[in-house]
Amino acid sequence: MSVIAIPRSIRERLGDEASEDFATLINDIDLGARKDAIAIAAERFERRLVEESGKLRIDIGKVNERISEESGKLRVEIGKVDERISEESGKLRVEISKVNERISVEIGKVNERISVEIGKVNERISEESGKLRVEISKVNERISEETGRLRAEIANCKAEIIKWMFLFWIGQTAVMVALFKFFAVK
């Protein structure tokens, strides 16, 4: 609250008590004017607030309508995309089944080729194993012949060794007998 200083000339004419009452009256008038100004400002503010909130509600309603419209459009577009995906996935399934059939046919052909090649390889193995058996039998015959010849040679060598052993023993015995006679005579 502001302090009002009453000039001296008015104070002298009115007196101290009347000057004080006059100051109180002016302060009360000032206080009332302030309260009225605040009430008017508050009333204007409330009115303005109501107007602006009404405008804001209208704008929010428009935004909600726009959101609803756009979400509806998006749902339609999503539905179209879903349909397109379903169509394309159906086409892909058909293509995949065709590819699987083709793969099965090709695998069958490859298996047939492999079977033929394996048959050829088996025939070749049979031929080669027959040739090897013939070769092995020839080698076995040759081994048998060589074994027989080696046994004959070994038998001849044994006879020679035994003959020379007897000659060596006889020579040794003769030398021993001669040495006994030589030492026995003396």
C-alpha atoms as a PDB file:
ATOM      1  CA  MET A   1       0.000   0.000   0.000  1.00  0.00           C
ATOM      2  CA  SER A   2       1.342   3.443  -0.887  1.00  0.00           C
ATOM      3  CA  VAL A   3       1.796   6.133   1.751  1.00  0.00           C
ATOM      4  CA  ILE A   4       0.110   9.402   0.983  1.00  0.00           C
ATOM      5  CA  ALA A   5       1.762  12.543   2.287  1.00  0.00           C
ATOM      6  CA  ILE A   6      -0.777  15.317   2.761  1.00  0.00           C
ATOM      7  CA  PRO A   7       0.673  18.724   1.995  1.00  0.00           C
ATOM      8  CA  ARG A   8       1.122  21.160   4.902  1.00  0.00           C
ATOM      9  CA  SER A   9      -1.329  23.744   3.596  1.00  0.00           C
ATOM     10  CA  ILE A  10      -4.160  21.204   3.499  1.00  0.00           C
ATOM     11  CA  ARG A  11      -3.125  19.858   6.865  1.00  0.00           C
ATOM     12  CA  GLU A  12      -3.251  23.330   8.446  1.00  0.00           C
ATOM     13  CA  ARG A  13      -6.727  23.999   7.113  1.00  0.00           C
ATOM     14  CA  LEU A  14      -8.190  20.580   7.896  1.00  0.00           C
ATOM     15  CA  GLY A  15      -6.347  19.813  11.046  1.00  0.00           C
ATOM     16  CA  ASP A  16      -4.458  16.645  12.032  1.00  0.00           C
ATOM     17  CA  GLU A  17      -7.451  14.422  12.633  1.00  0.00           C
ATOM     18  CA  ALA A  18      -9.249  15.413   9.449  1.00  0.00           C
ATOM     19  CA  SER A  19      -5.991  15.050   7.499  1.00  0.00           C
ATOM     20  CA  GLU A  20      -5.627  11.522   8.803  1.00  0.00           C
ATOM     21  CA  ASP A  21      -9.229  10.696   7.888  1.00  0.00           C
ATOM     22  CA  PHE A  22      -8.730  12.272   4.468  1.00  0.00           C
ATOM     23  CA  ALA A  23      -5.574  10.109   3.913  1.00  0.00           C
ATOM     24  CA  THR A  24      -7.500   7.008   4.995  1.00  0.00           C
ATOM     25  CA  LEU A  25     -10.305   7.902   2.586  1.00  0.00           C
ATOM     26  CA  ILE A  26      -7.882   8.320  -0.297  1.00  0.00           C
ATOM     27  CA  ASN A  27      -6.185   5.004   0.606  1.00  0.00           C
ATOM     28  CA  ASP A  28      -9.559   3.247   0.726  1.00  0.00           C
ATOM     29  CA  ILE A  29     -10.483   4.710  -2.661  1.00  0.00           C
ATOM     30  CA  ASP A  30      -7.102   3.576  -4.050  1.00  0.00           C
ATOM     31  CA  LEU A  31      -7.552   0.115  -2.554  1.00  0.00           C
ATOM     32  CA  GLY A  32     -11.067  -0.185  -3.983  1.00  0.00           C
ATOM     33  CA  ALA A  33      -9.870   1.003  -7.397  1.00  0.00           C
ATOM     34  CA  ARG A  34      -7.148  -1.622  -7.325  1.00  0.00           C
ATOM     35  CA  LYS A  35      -9.571  -4.362  -6.339  1.00  0.00           C
ATOM     36  CA  ASP A  36     -11.938  -3.291  -9.119  1.00  0.00           C
ATOM     37  CA  ALA A  37      -9.064  -3.239 -11.636  1.00  0.00           C
ATOM     38  CA  ILE A  38      -7.973  -6.721 -10.541  1.00  0.00           C
ATOM     39  CA  ALA A  39     -11.559  -8.038 -10.740  1.00  0.00           C
ATOM     40  CA  ILE A  40     -11.982  -6.537 -14.233  1.00  0.00           C
ATOM     41  CA  ALA A  41      -8.639  -7.969 -15.349  1.00  0.00           C
ATOM     42  CA  ALA A  42      -9.529 -11.392 -13.892  1.00  0.00           C
ATOM     43  CA  GLU A  43     -12.932 -11.285 -15.601  1.00  0.00           C
ATOM     44  CA  ARG A  44     -11.350 -10.334 -18.926  1.00  0.00           C
ATOM     45  CA  PHE A  45      -8.721 -13.063 -18.460  1.00  0.00           C
ATOM     46  CA  GLU A  46     -11.391 -15.676 -17.717  1.00  0.00           C
ATOM     47  CA  ARG A  47     -13.436 -14.570 -20.726  1.00  0.00           C
ATOM     48  CA  ARG A  48     -10.339 -14.682 -22.941  1.00  0.00           C
ATOM     49  CA  LEU A  49      -9.380 -18.069 -21.484  1.00  0.00           C
ATOM     50  CA  VAL A  50     -12.851 -19.453 -22.272  1.00  0.00           C
ATOM     51  CA  GLU A  51     -12.663 -18.081 -25.822  1.00  0.00           C
ATOM     52  CA  GLU A  52      -9.208 -19.511 -26.429  1.00  0.00           C
ATOM     53  CA  SER A  53     -10.059 -22.896 -24.898  1.00  0.00           C
ATOM     54  CA  GLY A  54     -13.153 -22.998 -27.155  1.00  0.00           C
ATOM     55  CA  LYS A  55     -10.971 -22.273 -30.189  1.00  0.00           C
ATOM     56  CA  LEU A  56      -8.502 -24.886 -28.969  1.00  0.00           C
ATOM     57  CA  ARG A  57     -11.286 -27.480 -28.607  1.00  0.00           C
ATOM     58  CA  ILE A  58     -12.411 -26.718 -32.167  1.00  0.00           C
ATOM     59  CA  ASP A  59      -8.829 -27.094 -33.420  1.00  0.00           C
ATOM     60  CA  ILE A  60      -8.392 -30.353 -31.481  1.00  0.00           C
ATOM     61  CA  GLY A  61     -11.667 -31.612 -32.979  1.00  0.00           C
ATOM     62  CA  LYS A  62     -10.371 -30.774 -36.463  1.00  0.00           C
ATOM     63  CA  VAL A  63      -7.076 -32.523 -35.730  1.00  0.00           C
ATOM     64  CA  ASN A  64      -8.951 -35.597 -34.448  1.00  0.00           C
ATOM     65  CA  GLU A  65     -11.084 -35.635 -37.600  1.00  0.00           C
ATOM     66  CA  ARG A  66      -7.969 -35.364 -39.736  1.00  0.00           C
ATOM     67  CA  ILE A  67      -6.288 -38.177 -37.782  1.00  0.00           C
ATOM     68  CA  SER A  68      -9.392 -40.339 -38.260  1.00  0.00           C
ATOM     69  CA  GLU A  69      -9.422 -39.628 -42.000  1.00  0.00           C
ATOM     70  CA  GLU A  70      -5.703 -40.362 -42.372  1.00  0.00           C
ATOM     71  CA  SER A  71      -5.874 -43.528 -40.274  1.00  0.00           C
ATOM     72  CA  GLY A  72      -8.788 -44.704 -42.453  1.00  0.00           C
ATOM     73  CA  LYS A  73      -6.719 -44.044 -45.568  1.00  0.00           C
ATOM     74  CA  LEU A  74      -3.779 -45.873 -43.999  1.00  0.00           C
ATOM     75  CA  ARG A  75      -5.981 -48.866 -43.148  1.00  0.00           C
ATOM     76  CA  VAL A  76      -7.149 -48.989 -46.774  1.00  0.00           C
ATOM     77  CA  GLU A  77      -3.539 -48.801 -48.011  1.00  0.00           C
ATOM     78  CA  ILE A  78      -2.429 -51.460 -45.531  1.00  0.00           C
ATOM     79  CA  GLY A  79      -5.269 -53.680 -46.734  1.00  0.00           C
ATOM     80  CA  LYS A  80      -4.097 -53.223 -50.324  1.00  0.00           C
ATOM     81  CA  VAL A  81      -0.513 -54.019 -49.325  1.00  0.00           C
ATOM     82  CA  ASP A  82      -1.689 -57.134 -47.460  1.00  0.00           C
ATOM     83  CA  GLU A  83      -3.608 -58.267 -50.542  1.00  0.00           C
ATOM     84  CA  ARG A  84      -0.556 -57.648 -52.720  1.00  0.00           C
ATOM     85  CA  ILE A  85       1.655 -59.577 -50.316  1.00  0.00           C
ATOM     86  CA  SER A  86      -0.830 -62.466 -50.357  1.00  0.00           C
ATOM     87  CA  GLU A  87      -0.895 -62.468 -54.165  1.00  0.00           C
ATOM     88  CA  GLU A  88       2.884 -62.311 -54.430  1.00  0.00           C
ATOM     89  CA  SER A  89       3.398 -65.014 -51.806  1.00  0.00           C
ATOM     90  CA  GLY A  90       0.958 -67.226 -53.731  1.00  0.00           C
ATOM     91  CA  LYS A  91       2.919 -66.620 -56.924  1.00  0.00           C
ATOM     92  CA  LEU A  92       6.159 -67.366 -55.088  1.00  0.00           C
ATOM     93  CA  ARG A  93       4.731 -70.621 -53.720  1.00  0.00           C
ATOM     94  CA  VAL A  94       3.789 -71.657 -57.264  1.00  0.00           C
ATOM     95  CA  GLU A  95       7.270 -70.787 -58.516  1.00  0.00           C
ATOM     96  CA  ILE A  96       8.884 -72.622 -55.625  1.00  0.00           C
ATOM     97  CA  SER A  97       6.831 -75.736 -56.329  1.00  0.00           C
ATOM     98  CA  LYS A  98       7.867 -75.546 -60.002  1.00  0.00           C
ATOM     99  CA  VAL A  99      11.501 -75.200 -58.983  1.00  0.00           C
ATOM    100  CA  ASN A 100      11.147 -78.132 -56.573  1.00  0.00           C
ATOM    101  CA  GLU A 101       9.650 -80.268 -59.349  1.00  0.00           C
ATOM    102  CA  ARG A 102      12.466 -79.288 -61.683  1.00  0.00           C
ATOM    103  CA  ILE A 103      15.036 -80.078 -59.023  1.00  0.00           C
ATOM    104  CA  SER A 104      13.411 -83.471 -58.463  1.00  0.00           C
ATOM    105  CA  VAL A 105      13.533 -84.204 -62.220  1.00  0.00           C
ATOM    106  CA  GLU A 106      17.173 -83.106 -62.424  1.00  0.00           C
ATOM    107  CA  ILE A 107      18.095 -85.157 -59.361  1.00  0.00           C
ATOM    108  CA  GLY A 108      16.401 -88.162 -60.992  1.00  0.00           C
ATOM    109  CA  LYS A 109      18.432 -87.626 -64.152  1.00  0.00           C
ATOM    110  CA  VAL A 110      21.628 -87.242 -62.148  1.00  0.00           C
ATOM    111  CA  ASN A 111      20.818 -90.400 -60.178  1.00  0.00           C
ATOM    112  CA  GLU A 112      20.263 -92.282 -63.443  1.00  0.00           C
ATOM    113  CA  ARG A 113      23.586 -91.012 -64.793  1.00  0.00           C
ATOM    114  CA  ILE A 114      25.294 -91.920 -61.557  1.00  0.00           C
ATOM    115  CA  SER A 115      23.735 -95.399 -61.673  1.00  0.00           C
ATOM    116  CA  VAL A 116      24.963 -95.882 -65.249  1.00  0.00           C
ATOM    117  CA  GLU A 117      28.423 -94.615 -64.355  1.00  0.00           C
ATOM    118  CA  ILE A 118      28.532 -96.786 -61.247  1.00  0.00           C
ATOM    119  CA  GLY A 119      27.516 -99.776 -63.410  1.00  0.00           C
ATOM    120  CA  LYS A 120      30.330 -98.964 -65.822  1.00  0.00           C
ATOM    121  CA  VAL A 121      32.783 -98.582 -62.964  1.00  0.00           C
ATOM    122  CA  ASN A 122      31.617-101.881 -61.463  1.00  0.00           C
ATOM    123  CA  GLU A 123      32.087-103.602 -64.849  1.00  0.00           C
ATOM    124  CA  ARG A 124      35.536-102.068 -65.152  1.00  0.00           C
ATOM    125  CA  ILE A 125      36.381-103.167 -61.628  1.00  0.00           C
ATOM    126  CA  SER A 126      35.183-106.682 -62.444  1.00  0.00           C
ATOM    127  CA  GLU A 127      37.292-106.744 -65.623  1.00  0.00           C
ATOM    128  CA  GLU A 128      40.340-105.382 -63.824  1.00  0.00           C
ATOM    129  CA  SER A 129      39.875-107.759 -60.901  1.00  0.00           C
ATOM    130  CA  GLY A 130      39.633-110.659 -63.413  1.00  0.00           C
ATOM    131  CA  LYS A 131      42.854-109.494 -65.043  1.00  0.00           C
ATOM    132  CA  LEU A 132      44.455-109.149 -61.619  1.00  0.00           C
ATOM    133  CA  ARG A 133      43.340-112.660 -60.676  1.00  0.00           C
ATOM    134  CA  VAL A 134      44.940-113.973 -63.853  1.00  0.00           C
ATOM    135  CA  GLU A 135      48.107-112.027 -63.078  1.00  0.00           C
ATOM    136  CA  ILE A 136      48.057-113.210 -59.475  1.00  0.00           C
ATOM    137  CA  SER A 137      47.614-116.833 -60.552  1.00  0.00           C
ATOM    138  CA  LYS A 138      50.563-116.420 -62.982  1.00  0.00           C
ATOM    139  CA  VAL A 139      52.615-114.875 -60.188  1.00  0.00           C
ATOM    140  CA  ASN A 140      51.575-117.712 -57.854  1.00  0.00           C
ATOM    141  CA  GLU A 141      52.617-120.285 -60.472  1.00  0.00           C
ATOM    142  CA  ARG A 142      55.928-118.543 -60.933  1.00  0.00           C
ATOM    143  CA  ILE A 143      56.392-118.374 -57.168  1.00  0.00           C
ATOM    144  CA  SER A 144      55.605-122.091 -56.972  1.00  0.00           C
ATOM    145  CA  GLU A 145      58.166-122.815 -59.714  1.00  0.00           C
ATOM    146  CA  GLU A 146      60.757-120.612 -58.053  1.00  0.00           C
ATOM    147  CA  THR A 147      59.994-122.157 -54.693  1.00  0.00           C
ATOM    148  CA  GLY A 148      60.466-125.629 -56.163  1.00  0.00           C
ATOM    149  CA  ARG A 149      63.734-124.597 -57.791  1.00  0.00           C
ATOM    150  CA  LEU A 150      64.919-122.927 -54.574  1.00  0.00           C
ATOM    151  CA  ARG A 151      64.022-126.029 -52.575  1.00  0.00           C
ATOM    152  CA  ALA A 152      66.038-128.146 -55.022  1.00  0.00           C
ATOM    153  CA  GLU A 153      68.980-125.766 -54.740  1.00  0.00           C
ATOM    154  CA  ILE A 154      68.666-125.704 -50.960  1.00  0.00           C
ATOM    155  CA  ALA A 155      68.605-129.519 -50.944  1.00  0.00           C
ATOM    156  CA  ASN A 156      71.715-129.578 -53.166  1.00  0.00           C
ATOM    157  CA  CYS A 157      73.388-127.022 -50.898  1.00  0.00           C
ATOM    158  CA  LYS A 158      72.525-129.121 -47.833  1.00  0.00           C
ATOM    159  CA  ALA A 159      74.045-132.191 -49.432  1.00  0.00           C
ATOM    160  CA  GLU A 160      77.188-130.245 -50.320  1.00  0.00           C
ATOM    161  CA  ILE A 161      77.384-128.774 -46.829  1.00  0.00           C
ATOM    162  CA  ILE A 162      76.960-132.200 -45.232  1.00  0.00           C
ATOM    163  CA  LYS A 163      79.619-133.649 -47.586  1.00  0.00           C
ATOM    164  CA  TRP A 164      82.083-130.897 -46.668  1.00  0.00           C
ATOM    165  CA  MET A 165      81.210-131.233 -42.993  1.00  0.00           C
ATOM    166  CA  PHE A 166      82.061-134.915 -43.079  1.00  0.00           C
ATOM    167  CA  LEU A 167      85.308-134.137 -44.892  1.00  0.00           C
ATOM    168  CA  PHE A 168      86.110-131.460 -42.286  1.00  0.00           C
ATOM    169  CA  TRP A 169      85.368-133.875 -39.413  1.00  0.00           C
ATOM    170  CA  ILE A 170      87.397-136.576 -41.017  1.00  0.00           C
ATOM    171  CA  GLY A 171      90.271-134.105 -41.544  1.00  0.00           C
ATOM    172  CA  GLN A 172      89.996-132.936 -37.963  1.00  0.00           C
ATOM    173  CA  THR A 173      89.908-136.452 -36.663  1.00  0.00           C
ATOM    174  CA  ALA A 174      93.004-137.341 -38.746  1.00  0.00           C
ATOM    175  CA  VAL A 175      94.863-134.310 -37.424  1.00  0.00           C
ATOM    176  CA  MET A 176      93.885-135.207 -33.839  1.00  0.00           C
ATOM    177  CA  VAL A 177      94.969-138.792 -34.277  1.00  0.00           C
ATOM    178  CA  ALA A 178      98.298-137.646 -35.769  1.00  0.00           C
ATOM    179  CA  LEU A 179      98.834-135.245 -32.887  1.00  0.00           C
ATOM    180  CA  PHE A 180      98.041-137.939 -30.352  1.00  0.00           C
ATOM    181  CA  LYS A 181     100.507-140.278 -32.043  1.00  0.00           C
ATOM    182  CA  PHE A 182     103.146-137.590 -32.210  1.00  0.00           C
ATOM    183  CA  PHE A 183     102.793-136.734 -28.547  1.00  0.00           C
ATOM    184  CA  ALA A 184     102.290-140.308 -27.508  1.00  0.00           C
ATOM    185  CA  VAL A 185     105.550-141.472 -29.150  1.00  0.00           C
ATOM    186  CA  LYS A 186     107.755-139.096 -27.406  1.00  0.00           C
END
